[in-house]
Amino acid sequence: MVAGTYSLTPLQQVIRLLNTTLAPDGLAYPVFAPTSHPIPVIQPASATSRIVSPLLRSLELPKGFRLADGKEPRTVFLIREHACGLEGLKAGAVPGFTNAFLDGAGIWGLRGVQPVRKSH
């Protein structure tokens, strides 16, 4: 689970988000996951064939990063910041909106994006 405002791009294998299937077709999908609501779960969809986005070939991945684990390919996706103007609404223009979306860079260095590691 990832909280915040971000763009999600499937790169290898099909993923599911909010009962929607996203294929690695090169498209970036905007996700709005405020902390005031249930955070959507990003999960691999069952796929029998290896589906790879052309974008994956152009990325410089770390040397130790493996795209396959044994015979099964891994599910790989890209998360990027999605600046859409919501940041400007935090000044009290909308009651209750001030704490709904995250501020600052999270542990990944992306502004307004935080992985959810455990629930409270």
PDB file of N, CA and C in Angstrom:
ATOM      1  N   MET A   1       0.846  -1.168   0.000  1.00  0.00           N
ATOM      2  CA  MET A   1       0.000   0.000   0.000  1.00  0.00           C
ATOM      3  C   MET A   1       0.894   1.235   0.000  1.00  0.00           C
ATOM      4  N   VAL A   2       0.431   2.239  -0.738  1.00  0.00           N
ATOM      5  CA  VAL A   2       1.161   3.490  -0.822  1.00  0.00           C
ATOM      6  C   VAL A   2       0.162   4.628  -0.648  1.00  0.00           C
ATOM      7  N   ALA A   3       0.434   5.524   0.309  1.00  0.00           N
ATOM      8  CA  ALA A   3      -0.444   6.662   0.565  1.00  0.00           C
ATOM      9  C   ALA A   3       0.101   7.901  -0.130  1.00  0.00           C
ATOM     10  N   GLY A   4      -0.799   8.772  -0.553  1.00  0.00           N
ATOM     11  CA  GLY A   4      -0.396  10.033  -1.165  1.00  0.00           C
ATOM     12  C   GLY A   4      -0.995  10.218  -2.543  1.00  0.00           C
ATOM     13  N   THR A   5      -0.363  11.100  -3.304  1.00  0.00           N
ATOM     14  CA  THR A   5      -0.772  11.379  -4.677  1.00  0.00           C
ATOM     15  C   THR A   5       0.396  11.005  -5.570  1.00  0.00           C
ATOM     16  N   TYR A   6       0.209  10.029  -6.448  1.00  0.00           N
ATOM     17  CA  TYR A   6       1.315   9.545  -7.265  1.00  0.00           C
ATOM     18  C   TYR A   6       0.810   8.994  -8.587  1.00  0.00           C
ATOM     19  N   SER A   7       1.752   8.777  -9.500  1.00  0.00           N
ATOM     20  CA  SER A   7       1.461   8.123 -10.774  1.00  0.00           C
ATOM     21  C   SER A   7       2.020   6.710 -10.706  1.00  0.00           C
ATOM     22  N   LEU A   8       1.224   5.760 -11.120  1.00  0.00           N
ATOM     23  CA  LEU A   8       1.599   4.350 -11.088  1.00  0.00           C
ATOM     24  C   LEU A   8       1.711   3.841 -12.521  1.00  0.00           C
ATOM     25  N   THR A   9       2.886   3.325 -12.882  1.00  0.00           N
ATOM     26  CA  THR A   9       3.122   2.812 -14.232  1.00  0.00           C
ATOM     27  C   THR A   9       3.526   1.346 -14.149  1.00  0.00           C
ATOM     28  N   PRO A  10       2.677   0.413 -14.576  1.00  0.00           N
ATOM     29  CA  PRO A  10       3.086  -0.996 -14.614  1.00  0.00           C
ATOM     30  C   PRO A  10       4.197  -1.187 -15.655  1.00  0.00           C
ATOM     31  N   LEU A  11       5.247  -1.921 -15.278  1.00  0.00           N
ATOM     32  CA  LEU A  11       6.368  -2.150 -16.191  1.00  0.00           C
ATOM     33  C   LEU A  11       6.510  -3.612 -16.606  1.00  0.00           C
ATOM     34  N   GLN A  12       6.183  -4.520 -15.712  1.00  0.00           N
ATOM     35  CA  GLN A  12       6.261  -5.947 -16.033  1.00  0.00           C
ATOM     36  C   GLN A  12       5.172  -6.680 -15.280  1.00  0.00           C
ATOM     37  N   GLN A  13       4.387  -7.423 -15.987  1.00  0.00           N
ATOM     38  CA  GLN A  13       3.237  -8.152 -15.482  1.00  0.00           C
ATOM     39  C   GLN A  13       2.069  -7.207 -15.210  1.00  0.00           C
ATOM     40  N   VAL A  14       0.899  -7.778 -15.067  1.00  0.00           N
ATOM     41  CA  VAL A  14      -0.336  -7.035 -14.844  1.00  0.00           C
ATOM     42  C   VAL A  14      -0.525  -6.832 -13.344  1.00  0.00           C
ATOM     43  N   ILE A  15      -0.993  -5.647 -12.946  1.00  0.00           N
ATOM     44  CA  ILE A  15      -1.271  -5.391 -11.535  1.00  0.00           C
ATOM     45  C   ILE A  15      -2.740  -5.037 -11.362  1.00  0.00           C
ATOM     46  N   ARG A  16      -3.187  -5.163 -10.118  1.00  0.00           N
ATOM     47  CA  ARG A  16      -4.571  -4.808  -9.771  1.00  0.00           C
ATOM     48  C   ARG A  16      -4.534  -3.701  -8.730  1.00  0.00           C
ATOM     49  N   LEU A  17      -5.436  -2.746  -8.902  1.00  0.00           N
ATOM     50  CA  LEU A  17      -5.577  -1.642  -7.970  1.00  0.00           C
ATOM     51  C   LEU A  17      -7.046  -1.271  -7.939  1.00  0.00           C
ATOM     52  N   LEU A  18      -7.665  -1.378  -6.761  1.00  0.00           N
ATOM     53  CA  LEU A  18      -9.088  -1.048  -6.599  1.00  0.00           C
ATOM     54  C   LEU A  18      -9.966  -1.800  -7.606  1.00  0.00           C
ATOM     55  N   ASN A  19      -9.765  -3.083  -7.726  1.00  0.00           N
ATOM     56  CA  ASN A  19     -10.524  -3.949  -8.640  1.00  0.00           C
ATOM     57  C   ASN A  19     -10.385  -3.554 -10.099  1.00  0.00           C
ATOM     58  N   THR A  20      -9.297  -2.865 -10.431  1.00  0.00           N
ATOM     59  CA  THR A  20      -8.999  -2.487 -11.804  1.00  0.00           C
ATOM     60  C   THR A  20      -7.720  -3.191 -12.224  1.00  0.00           C
ATOM     61  N   THR A  21      -7.695  -3.722 -13.429  1.00  0.00           N
ATOM     62  CA  THR A  21      -6.515  -4.384 -13.950  1.00  0.00           C
ATOM     63  C   THR A  21      -5.728  -3.388 -14.789  1.00  0.00           C
ATOM     64  N   LEU A  22      -4.445  -3.229 -14.455  1.00  0.00           N
ATOM     65  CA  LEU A  22      -3.569  -2.309 -15.173  1.00  0.00           C
ATOM     66  C   LEU A  22      -2.470  -3.109 -15.861  1.00  0.00           C
ATOM     67  N   ALA A  23      -2.403  -2.989 -17.164  1.00  0.00           N
ATOM     68  CA  ALA A  23      -1.411  -3.722 -17.949  1.00  0.00           C
ATOM     69  C   ALA A  23      -0.189  -2.842 -18.187  1.00  0.00           C
ATOM     70  N   PRO A  24       0.965  -3.458 -18.400  1.00  0.00           N
ATOM     71  CA  PRO A  24       2.176  -2.680 -18.685  1.00  0.00           C
ATOM     72  C   PRO A  24       2.174  -2.182 -20.139  1.00  0.00           C
ATOM     73  N   ASP A  25       1.366  -1.172 -20.391  1.00  0.00           N
ATOM     74  CA  ASP A  25       1.199  -0.652 -21.752  1.00  0.00           C
ATOM     75  C   ASP A  25       1.876   0.702 -21.951  1.00  0.00           C
ATOM     76  N   GLY A  26       2.683   1.126 -20.966  1.00  0.00           N
ATOM     77  CA  GLY A  26       3.390   2.395 -21.082  1.00  0.00           C
ATOM     78  C   GLY A  26       2.620   3.579 -20.523  1.00  0.00           C
ATOM     79  N   LEU A  27       1.400   3.362 -20.057  1.00  0.00           N
ATOM     80  CA  LEU A  27       0.594   4.448 -19.518  1.00  0.00           C
ATOM     81  C   LEU A  27       0.846   4.617 -18.023  1.00  0.00           C
ATOM     82  N   ALA A  28       0.780   5.866 -17.560  1.00  0.00           N
ATOM     83  CA  ALA A  28       0.875   6.177 -16.133  1.00  0.00           C
ATOM     84  C   ALA A  28      -0.529   6.477 -15.627  1.00  0.00           C
ATOM     85  N   TYR A  29      -0.895   5.882 -14.516  1.00  0.00           N
ATOM     86  CA  TYR A  29      -2.221   6.037 -13.949  1.00  0.00           C
ATOM     87  C   TYR A  29      -2.133   6.869 -12.672  1.00  0.00           C
ATOM     88  N   PRO A  30      -2.875   7.984 -12.585  1.00  0.00           N
ATOM     89  CA  PRO A  30      -2.839   8.776 -11.351  1.00  0.00           C
ATOM     90  C   PRO A  30      -3.590   8.069 -10.230  1.00  0.00           C
ATOM     91  N   VAL A  31      -3.009   8.110  -9.040  1.00  0.00           N
ATOM     92  CA  VAL A  31      -3.625   7.494  -7.861  1.00  0.00           C
ATOM     93  C   VAL A  31      -3.722   8.561  -6.773  1.00  0.00           C
ATOM     94  N   PHE A  32      -4.905   8.673  -6.179  1.00  0.00           N
ATOM     95  CA  PHE A  32      -5.130   9.600  -5.084  1.00  0.00           C
ATOM     96  C   PHE A  32      -5.517   8.763  -3.862  1.00  0.00           C
ATOM     97  N   ALA A  33      -4.599   8.643  -2.923  1.00  0.00           N
ATOM     98  CA  ALA A  33      -4.796   7.798  -1.749  1.00  0.00           C
ATOM     99  C   ALA A  33      -4.595   8.630  -0.485  1.00  0.00           C
ATOM    100  N   PRO A  34      -5.617   9.402  -0.077  1.00  0.00           N
ATOM    101  CA  PRO A  34      -5.482  10.213   1.132  1.00  0.00           C
ATOM    102  C   PRO A  34      -5.483   9.349   2.379  1.00  0.00           C
ATOM    103  N   THR A  35      -4.807   9.819   3.399  1.00  0.00           N
ATOM    104  CA  THR A  35      -4.738   9.065   4.653  1.00  0.00           C
ATOM    105  C   THR A  35      -6.061   9.091   5.406  1.00  0.00           C
ATOM    106  N   SER A  36      -7.010   9.900   4.958  1.00  0.00           N
ATOM    107  CA  SER A  36      -8.326   9.973   5.595  1.00  0.00           C
ATOM    108  C   SER A  36      -9.266   8.870   5.120  1.00  0.00           C
ATOM    109  N   HIS A  37      -8.828   8.060   4.164  1.00  0.00           N
ATOM    110  CA  HIS A  37      -9.654   7.002   3.590  1.00  0.00           C
ATOM    111  C   HIS A  37      -8.846   5.701   3.541  1.00  0.00           C
ATOM    112  N   PRO A  38      -9.495   4.564   3.287  1.00  0.00           N
ATOM    113  CA  PRO A  38      -8.738   3.318   3.133  1.00  0.00           C
ATOM    114  C   PRO A  38      -7.720   3.443   1.991  1.00  0.00           C
ATOM    115  N   ILE A  39      -6.504   2.999   2.239  1.00  0.00           N
ATOM    116  CA  ILE A  39      -5.424   3.074   1.252  1.00  0.00           C
ATOM    117  C   ILE A  39      -5.562   1.887   0.298  1.00  0.00           C
ATOM    118  N   PRO A  40      -5.546   2.120  -1.034  1.00  0.00           N
ATOM    119  CA  PRO A  40      -5.673   1.003  -1.970  1.00  0.00           C
ATOM    120  C   PRO A  40      -4.427   0.104  -1.949  1.00  0.00           C
ATOM    121  N   VAL A  41      -4.653  -1.169  -2.175  1.00  0.00           N
ATOM    122  CA  VAL A  41      -3.586  -2.163  -2.197  1.00  0.00           C
ATOM    123  C   VAL A  41      -3.166  -2.400  -3.655  1.00  0.00           C
ATOM    124  N   ILE A  42      -1.865  -2.302  -3.901  1.00  0.00           N
ATOM    125  CA  ILE A  42      -1.310  -2.619  -5.223  1.00  0.00           C
ATOM    126  C   ILE A  42      -0.892  -4.076  -5.160  1.00  0.00           C
ATOM    127  N   GLN A  43      -1.438  -4.900  -6.056  1.00  0.00           N
ATOM    128  CA  GLN A  43      -1.105  -6.315  -5.997  1.00  0.00           C
ATOM    129  C   GLN A  43      -0.952  -6.896  -7.402  1.00  0.00           C
ATOM    130  N   PRO A  44      -0.123  -7.939  -7.524  1.00  0.00           N
ATOM    131  CA  PRO A  44       0.013  -8.580  -8.833  1.00  0.00           C
ATOM    132  C   PRO A  44      -1.269  -9.310  -9.203  1.00  0.00           C
ATOM    133  N   ALA A  45      -1.608  -9.254 -10.468  1.00  0.00           N
ATOM    134  CA  ALA A  45      -2.741 -10.028 -10.978  1.00  0.00           C
ATOM    135  C   ALA A  45      -2.195 -11.348 -11.480  1.00  0.00           C
ATOM    136  N   SER A  46      -2.983 -12.379 -11.406  1.00  0.00           N
ATOM    137  CA  SER A  46      -2.506 -13.666 -11.906  1.00  0.00           C
ATOM    138  C   SER A  46      -2.385 -13.584 -13.425  1.00  0.00           C
ATOM    139  N   ALA A  47      -1.209 -13.824 -13.890  1.00  0.00           N
ATOM    140  CA  ALA A  47      -0.945 -13.778 -15.338  1.00  0.00           C
ATOM    141  C   ALA A  47      -0.114 -14.995 -15.708  1.00  0.00           C
ATOM    142  N   THR A  48      -0.428 -15.595 -16.817  1.00  0.00           N
ATOM    143  CA  THR A  48       0.286 -16.798 -17.240  1.00  0.00           C
ATOM    144  C   THR A  48       1.420 -16.491 -18.211  1.00  0.00           C
ATOM    145  N   SER A  49       1.394 -15.333 -18.836  1.00  0.00           N
ATOM    146  CA  SER A  49       2.455 -14.992 -19.773  1.00  0.00           C
ATOM    147  C   SER A  49       3.230 -13.780 -19.277  1.00  0.00           C
ATOM    148  N   ARG A  50       4.422 -13.628 -19.781  1.00  0.00           N
ATOM    149  CA  ARG A  50       5.261 -12.497 -19.386  1.00  0.00           C
ATOM    150  C   ARG A  50       4.896 -11.287 -20.236  1.00  0.00           C
ATOM    151  N   ILE A  51       4.411 -10.236 -19.588  1.00  0.00           N
ATOM    152  CA  ILE A  51       4.036  -9.011 -20.274  1.00  0.00           C
ATOM    153  C   ILE A  51       4.981  -7.911 -19.799  1.00  0.00           C
ATOM    154  N   VAL A  52       5.686  -7.275 -20.739  1.00  0.00           N
ATOM    155  CA  VAL A  52       6.696  -6.278 -20.396  1.00  0.00           C
ATOM    156  C   VAL A  52       6.435  -5.000 -21.169  1.00  0.00           C
ATOM    157  N   SER A  53       6.515  -3.872 -20.476  1.00  0.00           N
ATOM    158  CA  SER A  53       6.372  -2.567 -21.107  1.00  0.00           C
ATOM    159  C   SER A  53       7.667  -2.203 -21.824  1.00  0.00           C
ATOM    160  N   PRO A  54       7.582  -1.526 -22.959  1.00  0.00           N
ATOM    161  CA  PRO A  54       8.792  -1.053 -23.632  1.00  0.00           C
ATOM    162  C   PRO A  54       9.591  -0.075 -22.751  1.00  0.00           C
ATOM    163  N   LEU A  55       8.929   0.576 -21.803  1.00  0.00           N
ATOM    164  CA  LEU A  55       9.623   1.500 -20.907  1.00  0.00           C
ATOM    165  C   LEU A  55      10.650   0.793 -20.031  1.00  0.00           C
ATOM    166  N   LEU A  56      10.400  -0.459 -19.694  1.00  0.00           N
ATOM    167  CA  LEU A  56      11.298  -1.189 -18.805  1.00  0.00           C
ATOM    168  C   LEU A  56      12.685  -1.334 -19.424  1.00  0.00           C
ATOM    169  N   ARG A  57      12.744  -1.515 -20.719  1.00  0.00           N
ATOM    170  CA  ARG A  57      14.034  -1.675 -21.401  1.00  0.00           C
ATOM    171  C   ARG A  57      14.863  -0.390 -21.356  1.00  0.00           C
ATOM    172  N   SER A  58      14.213   0.760 -21.229  1.00  0.00           N
ATOM    173  CA  SER A  58      14.938   2.030 -21.254  1.00  0.00           C
ATOM    174  C   SER A  58      15.395   2.493 -19.870  1.00  0.00           C
ATOM    175  N   LEU A  59      14.949   1.830 -18.815  1.00  0.00           N
ATOM    176  CA  LEU A  59      15.339   2.216 -17.459  1.00  0.00           C
ATOM    177  C   LEU A  59      16.694   1.637 -17.081  1.00  0.00           C
ATOM    178  N   GLU A  60      17.475   2.412 -16.362  1.00  0.00           N
ATOM    179  CA  GLU A  60      18.744   1.933 -15.829  1.00  0.00           C
ATOM    180  C   GLU A  60      18.491   1.369 -14.436  1.00  0.00           C
ATOM    181  N   LEU A  61      18.386   0.062 -14.344  1.00  0.00           N
ATOM    182  CA  LEU A  61      18.098  -0.599 -13.068  1.00  0.00           C
ATOM    183  C   LEU A  61      19.399  -0.908 -12.332  1.00  0.00           C
ATOM    184  N   PRO A  62      19.362  -0.965 -11.014  1.00  0.00           N
ATOM    185  CA  PRO A  62      20.570  -1.335 -10.256  1.00  0.00           C
ATOM    186  C   PRO A  62      21.070  -2.713 -10.676  1.00  0.00           C
ATOM    187  N   LYS A  63      22.372  -2.932 -10.566  1.00  0.00           N
ATOM    188  CA  LYS A  63      22.978  -4.197 -11.012  1.00  0.00           C
ATOM    189  C   LYS A  63      22.381  -5.417 -10.330  1.00  0.00           C
ATOM    190  N   GLY A  64      22.049  -5.324  -9.053  1.00  0.00           N
ATOM    191  CA  GLY A  64      21.523  -6.464  -8.315  1.00  0.00           C
ATOM    192  C   GLY A  64      20.042  -6.713  -8.515  1.00  0.00           C
ATOM    193  N   PHE A  65      19.368  -5.858  -9.281  1.00  0.00           N
ATOM    194  CA  PHE A  65      17.918  -5.990  -9.470  1.00  0.00           C
ATOM    195  C   PHE A  65      17.636  -7.088 -10.489  1.00  0.00           C
ATOM    196  N   ARG A  66      16.847  -8.088 -10.065  1.00  0.00           N
ATOM    197  CA  ARG A  66      16.505  -9.193 -10.961  1.00  0.00           C
ATOM    198  C   ARG A  66      15.050  -9.063 -11.398  1.00  0.00           C
ATOM    199  N   LEU A  67      14.805  -9.191 -12.691  1.00  0.00           N
ATOM    200  CA  LEU A  67      13.451  -9.082 -13.218  1.00  0.00           C
ATOM    201  C   LEU A  67      12.698 -10.399 -13.160  1.00  0.00           C
ATOM    202  N   ALA A  68      13.400 -11.486 -12.855  1.00  0.00           N
ATOM    203  CA  ALA A  68      12.745 -12.789 -12.740  1.00  0.00           C
ATOM    204  C   ALA A  68      13.262 -13.476 -11.487  1.00  0.00           C
ATOM    205  N   ASP A  69      12.392 -14.226 -10.847  1.00  0.00           N
ATOM    206  CA  ASP A  69      12.757 -14.994  -9.674  1.00  0.00           C
ATOM    207  C   ASP A  69      12.510 -16.452 -10.024  1.00  0.00           C
ATOM    208  N   GLY A  70      13.550 -17.153 -10.389  1.00  0.00           N
ATOM    209  CA  GLY A  70      13.369 -18.515 -10.886  1.00  0.00           C
ATOM    210  C   GLY A  70      12.761 -18.474 -12.275  1.00  0.00           C
ATOM    211  N   LYS A  71      11.685 -19.216 -12.489  1.00  0.00           N
ATOM    212  CA  LYS A  71      11.016 -19.241 -13.794  1.00  0.00           C
ATOM    213  C   LYS A  71       9.950 -18.175 -13.922  1.00  0.00           C
ATOM    214  N   GLU A  72       9.479 -17.655 -12.786  1.00  0.00           N
ATOM    215  CA  GLU A  72       8.400 -16.669 -12.793  1.00  0.00           C
ATOM    216  C   GLU A  72       8.942 -15.248 -12.880  1.00  0.00           C
ATOM    217  N   PRO A  73       8.433 -14.456 -13.813  1.00  0.00           N
ATOM    218  CA  PRO A  73       8.847 -13.040 -13.848  1.00  0.00           C
ATOM    219  C   PRO A  73       8.244 -12.283 -12.677  1.00  0.00           C
ATOM    220  N   ARG A  74       8.929 -11.293 -12.222  1.00  0.00           N
ATOM    221  CA  ARG A  74       8.447 -10.471 -11.115  1.00  0.00           C
ATOM    222  C   ARG A  74       7.477  -9.413 -11.623  1.00  0.00           C
ATOM    223  N   THR A  75       6.618  -8.974 -10.736  1.00  0.00           N
ATOM    224  CA  THR A  75       5.735  -7.852 -11.037  1.00  0.00           C
ATOM    225  C   THR A  75       6.502  -6.587 -10.701  1.00  0.00           C
ATOM    226  N   VAL A  76       6.670  -5.708 -11.688  1.00  0.00           N
ATOM    227  CA  VAL A  76       7.467  -4.504 -11.522  1.00  0.00           C
ATOM    228  C   VAL A  76       6.617  -3.307 -11.927  1.00  0.00           C
ATOM    229  N   PHE A  77       6.633  -2.258 -11.092  1.00  0.00           N
ATOM    230  CA  PHE A  77       5.922  -1.036 -11.435  1.00  0.00           C
ATOM    231  C   PHE A  77       6.727   0.162 -10.957  1.00  0.00           C
ATOM    232  N   LEU A  78       6.428   1.306 -11.536  1.00  0.00           N
ATOM    233  CA  LEU A  78       7.122   2.551 -11.234  1.00  0.00           C
ATOM    234  C   LEU A  78       6.157   3.498 -10.536  1.00  0.00           C
ATOM    235  N   ILE A  79       6.613   4.112  -9.455  1.00  0.00           N
ATOM    236  CA  ILE A  79       5.822   5.119  -8.745  1.00  0.00           C
ATOM    237  C   ILE A  79       6.564   6.446  -8.844  1.00  0.00           C
ATOM    238  N   ARG A  80       5.850   7.474  -9.302  1.00  0.00           N
ATOM    239  CA  ARG A  80       6.421   8.818  -9.427  1.00  0.00           C
ATOM    240  C   ARG A  80       5.509   9.832  -8.753  1.00  0.00           C
ATOM    241  N   GLU A  81       6.073  10.993  -8.418  1.00  0.00           N
ATOM    242  CA  GLU A  81       5.274  12.084  -7.871  1.00  0.00           C
ATOM    243  C   GLU A  81       4.227  12.497  -8.898  1.00  0.00           C
ATOM    244  N   HIS A  82       3.082  12.926  -8.409  1.00  0.00           N
ATOM    245  CA  HIS A  82       2.010  13.402  -9.294  1.00  0.00           C
ATOM    246  C   HIS A  82       1.545  14.760  -8.768  1.00  0.00           C
ATOM    247  N   ALA A  83       2.220  15.803  -9.216  1.00  0.00           N
ATOM    248  CA  ALA A  83       1.852  17.157  -8.804  1.00  0.00           C
ATOM    249  C   ALA A  83       0.618  17.574  -9.608  1.00  0.00           C
ATOM    250  N   CYS A  84      -0.478  17.786  -8.906  1.00  0.00           N
ATOM    251  CA  CYS A  84      -1.736  18.069  -9.587  1.00  0.00           C
ATOM    252  C   CYS A  84      -2.462  19.287  -9.031  1.00  0.00           C
ATOM    253  N   GLY A  85      -1.854  19.992  -8.082  1.00  0.00           N
ATOM    254  CA  GLY A  85      -2.478  21.174  -7.526  1.00  0.00           C
ATOM    255  C   GLY A  85      -3.165  20.967  -6.196  1.00  0.00           C
ATOM    256  N   LEU A  86      -3.254  19.734  -5.720  1.00  0.00           N
ATOM    257  CA  LEU A  86      -3.877  19.491  -4.418  1.00  0.00           C
ATOM    258  C   LEU A  86      -3.105  20.162  -3.288  1.00  0.00           C
ATOM    259  N   GLU A  87      -1.817  20.378  -3.518  1.00  0.00           N
ATOM    260  CA  GLU A  87      -0.982  20.987  -2.486  1.00  0.00           C
ATOM    261  C   GLU A  87      -1.498  22.378  -2.114  1.00  0.00           C
ATOM    262  N   GLY A  88      -2.077  23.103  -3.059  1.00  0.00           N
ATOM    263  CA  GLY A  88      -2.573  24.446  -2.829  1.00  0.00           C
ATOM    264  C   GLY A  88      -3.830  24.504  -1.980  1.00  0.00           C
ATOM    265  N   LEU A  89      -4.508  23.369  -1.785  1.00  0.00           N
ATOM    266  CA  LEU A  89      -5.733  23.344  -0.991  1.00  0.00           C
ATOM    267  C   LEU A  89      -5.481  23.131   0.498  1.00  0.00           C
ATOM    268  N   LYS A  90      -4.233  22.964   0.879  1.00  0.00           N
ATOM    269  CA  LYS A  90      -3.910  22.657   2.271  1.00  0.00           C
ATOM    270  C   LYS A  90      -3.985  23.865   3.190  1.00  0.00           C
ATOM    271  N   ALA A  91      -4.127  25.056   2.678  1.00  0.00           N
ATOM    272  CA  ALA A  91      -4.091  26.270   3.499  1.00  0.00           C
ATOM    273  C   ALA A  91      -5.408  26.540   4.215  1.00  0.00           C
ATOM    274  N   GLY A  92      -6.307  25.589   4.279  1.00  0.00           N
ATOM    275  CA  GLY A  92      -7.550  25.763   4.996  1.00  0.00           C
ATOM    276  C   GLY A  92      -8.733  26.117   4.113  1.00  0.00           C
ATOM    277  N   ALA A  93      -8.545  26.079   2.798  1.00  0.00           N
ATOM    278  CA  ALA A  93      -9.645  26.394   1.883  1.00  0.00           C
ATOM    279  C   ALA A  93     -10.756  25.356   1.970  1.00  0.00           C
ATOM    280  N   VAL A  94     -10.384  24.112   2.227  1.00  0.00           N
ATOM    281  CA  VAL A  94     -11.360  23.028   2.351  1.00  0.00           C
ATOM    282  C   VAL A  94     -11.233  22.450   3.758  1.00  0.00           C
ATOM    283  N   PRO A  95     -12.271  22.564   4.597  1.00  0.00           N
ATOM    284  CA  PRO A  95     -12.186  22.041   5.967  1.00  0.00           C
ATOM    285  C   PRO A  95     -11.868  20.539   5.994  1.00  0.00           C
ATOM    286  N   GLY A  96     -10.954  20.149   6.860  1.00  0.00           N
ATOM    287  CA  GLY A  96     -10.593  18.744   7.000  1.00  0.00           C
ATOM    288  C   GLY A  96      -9.613  18.230   5.963  1.00  0.00           C
ATOM    289  N   PHE A  97      -9.240  19.071   5.016  1.00  0.00           N
ATOM    290  CA  PHE A  97      -8.362  18.640   3.925  1.00  0.00           C
ATOM    291  C   PHE A  97      -6.888  18.779   4.290  1.00  0.00           C
ATOM    292  N   THR A  98      -6.596  19.557   5.306  1.00  0.00           N
ATOM    293  CA  THR A  98      -5.215  19.889   5.649  1.00  0.00           C
ATOM    294  C   THR A  98      -4.363  18.646   5.891  1.00  0.00           C
ATOM    295  N   ASN A  99      -4.893  17.629   6.547  1.00  0.00           N
ATOM    296  CA  ASN A  99      -4.099  16.440   6.874  1.00  0.00           C
ATOM    297  C   ASN A  99      -4.442  15.214   6.032  1.00  0.00           C
ATOM    298  N   ALA A 100      -5.290  15.358   5.035  1.00  0.00           N
ATOM    299  CA  ALA A 100      -5.701  14.202   4.238  1.00  0.00           C
ATOM    300  C   ALA A 100      -4.583  13.686   3.345  1.00  0.00           C
ATOM    301  N   PHE A 101      -3.769  14.596   2.802  1.00  0.00           N
ATOM    302  CA  PHE A 101      -2.657  14.193   1.944  1.00  0.00           C
ATOM    303  C   PHE A 101      -1.346  14.533   2.628  1.00  0.00           C
ATOM    304  N   LEU A 102      -0.326  13.773   2.348  1.00  0.00           N
ATOM    305  CA  LEU A 102       0.952  13.888   3.023  1.00  0.00           C
ATOM    306  C   LEU A 102       1.771  15.066   2.494  1.00  0.00           C
ATOM    307  N   ASP A 103       2.621  15.613   3.344  1.00  0.00           N
ATOM    308  CA  ASP A 103       3.538  16.678   2.965  1.00  0.00           C
ATOM    309  C   ASP A 103       4.953  16.130   2.915  1.00  0.00           C
ATOM    310  N   GLY A 104       5.810  16.850   2.267  1.00  0.00           N
ATOM    311  CA  GLY A 104       7.230  16.536   2.274  1.00  0.00           C
ATOM    312  C   GLY A 104       7.580  15.249   1.557  1.00  0.00           C
ATOM    313  N   ALA A 105       8.874  15.004   1.472  1.00  0.00           N
ATOM    314  CA  ALA A 105       9.377  13.801   0.818  1.00  0.00           C
ATOM    315  C   ALA A 105       9.366  12.641   1.810  1.00  0.00           C
ATOM    316  N   GLY A 106       8.890  11.504   1.353  1.00  0.00           N
ATOM    317  CA  GLY A 106       8.872  10.309   2.185  1.00  0.00           C
ATOM    318  C   GLY A 106      10.197   9.576   2.127  1.00  0.00           C
ATOM    319  N   ILE A 107      10.209   8.339   2.583  1.00  0.00           N
ATOM    320  CA  ILE A 107      11.459   7.571   2.628  1.00  0.00           C
ATOM    321  C   ILE A 107      11.988   7.233   1.234  1.00  0.00           C
ATOM    322  N   TRP A 108      11.140   7.342   0.210  1.00  0.00           N
ATOM    323  CA  TRP A 108      11.597   7.110  -1.162  1.00  0.00           C
ATOM    324  C   TRP A 108      12.097   8.391  -1.823  1.00  0.00           C
ATOM    325  N   GLY A 109      11.966   9.521  -1.134  1.00  0.00           N
ATOM    326  CA  GLY A 109      12.393  10.793  -1.709  1.00  0.00           C
ATOM    327  C   GLY A 109      11.359  11.426  -2.619  1.00  0.00           C
ATOM    328  N   LEU A 110      10.143  10.891  -2.639  1.00  0.00           N
ATOM    329  CA  LEU A 110       9.069  11.433  -3.465  1.00  0.00           C
ATOM    330  C   LEU A 110       8.176  12.313  -2.606  1.00  0.00           C
ATOM    331  N   ARG A 111       7.922  13.529  -3.043  1.00  0.00           N
ATOM    332  CA  ARG A 111       7.108  14.471  -2.271  1.00  0.00           C
ATOM    333  C   ARG A 111       5.656  14.010  -2.231  1.00  0.00           C
ATOM    334  N   GLY A 112       5.116  13.866  -1.013  1.00  0.00           N
ATOM    335  CA  GLY A 112       3.723  13.495  -0.834  1.00  0.00           C
ATOM    336  C   GLY A 112       3.414  12.032  -1.048  1.00  0.00           C
ATOM    337  N   VAL A 113       4.437  11.176  -1.062  1.00  0.00           N
ATOM    338  CA  VAL A 113       4.239   9.738  -1.293  1.00  0.00           C
ATOM    339  C   VAL A 113       4.925   8.965  -0.160  1.00  0.00           C
ATOM    340  N   GLN A 114       4.174   8.063   0.481  1.00  0.00           N
ATOM    341  CA  GLN A 114       4.715   7.263   1.576  1.00  0.00           C
ATOM    342  C   GLN A 114       4.238   5.817   1.474  1.00  0.00           C
ATOM    343  N   PRO A 115       5.137   4.855   1.543  1.00  0.00           N
ATOM    344  CA  PRO A 115       4.668   3.464   1.644  1.00  0.00           C
ATOM    345  C   PRO A 115       4.069   3.239   3.028  1.00  0.00           C
ATOM    346  N   VAL A 116       3.054   2.414   3.096  1.00  0.00           N
ATOM    347  CA  VAL A 116       2.441   2.061   4.373  1.00  0.00           C
ATOM    348  C   VAL A 116       3.056   0.741   4.811  1.00  0.00           C
ATOM    349  N   ARG A 117       3.802   0.797   5.894  1.00  0.00           N
ATOM    350  CA  ARG A 117       4.517  -0.393   6.333  1.00  0.00           C
ATOM    351  C   ARG A 117       3.797  -1.162   7.422  1.00  0.00           C
ATOM    352  N   LYS A 118       2.997  -0.485   8.231  1.00  0.00           N
ATOM    353  CA  LYS A 118       2.200  -1.178   9.235  1.00  0.00           C
ATOM    354  C   LYS A 118       1.041  -0.264   9.613  1.00  0.00           C
ATOM    355  N   SER A 119      -0.058  -0.880  10.037  1.00  0.00           N
ATOM    356  CA  SER A 119      -1.222  -0.102  10.434  1.00  0.00           C
ATOM    357  C   SER A 119      -1.196   0.137  11.931  1.00  0.00           C
ATOM    358  N   HIS A 120      -1.884   1.188  12.353  1.00  0.00           N
ATOM    359  CA  HIS A 120      -1.942   1.525  13.779  1.00  0.00           C
ATOM    360  C   HIS A 120      -3.321   1.306  14.300  1.00  0.00           C
TER     361      HIS A 120
END
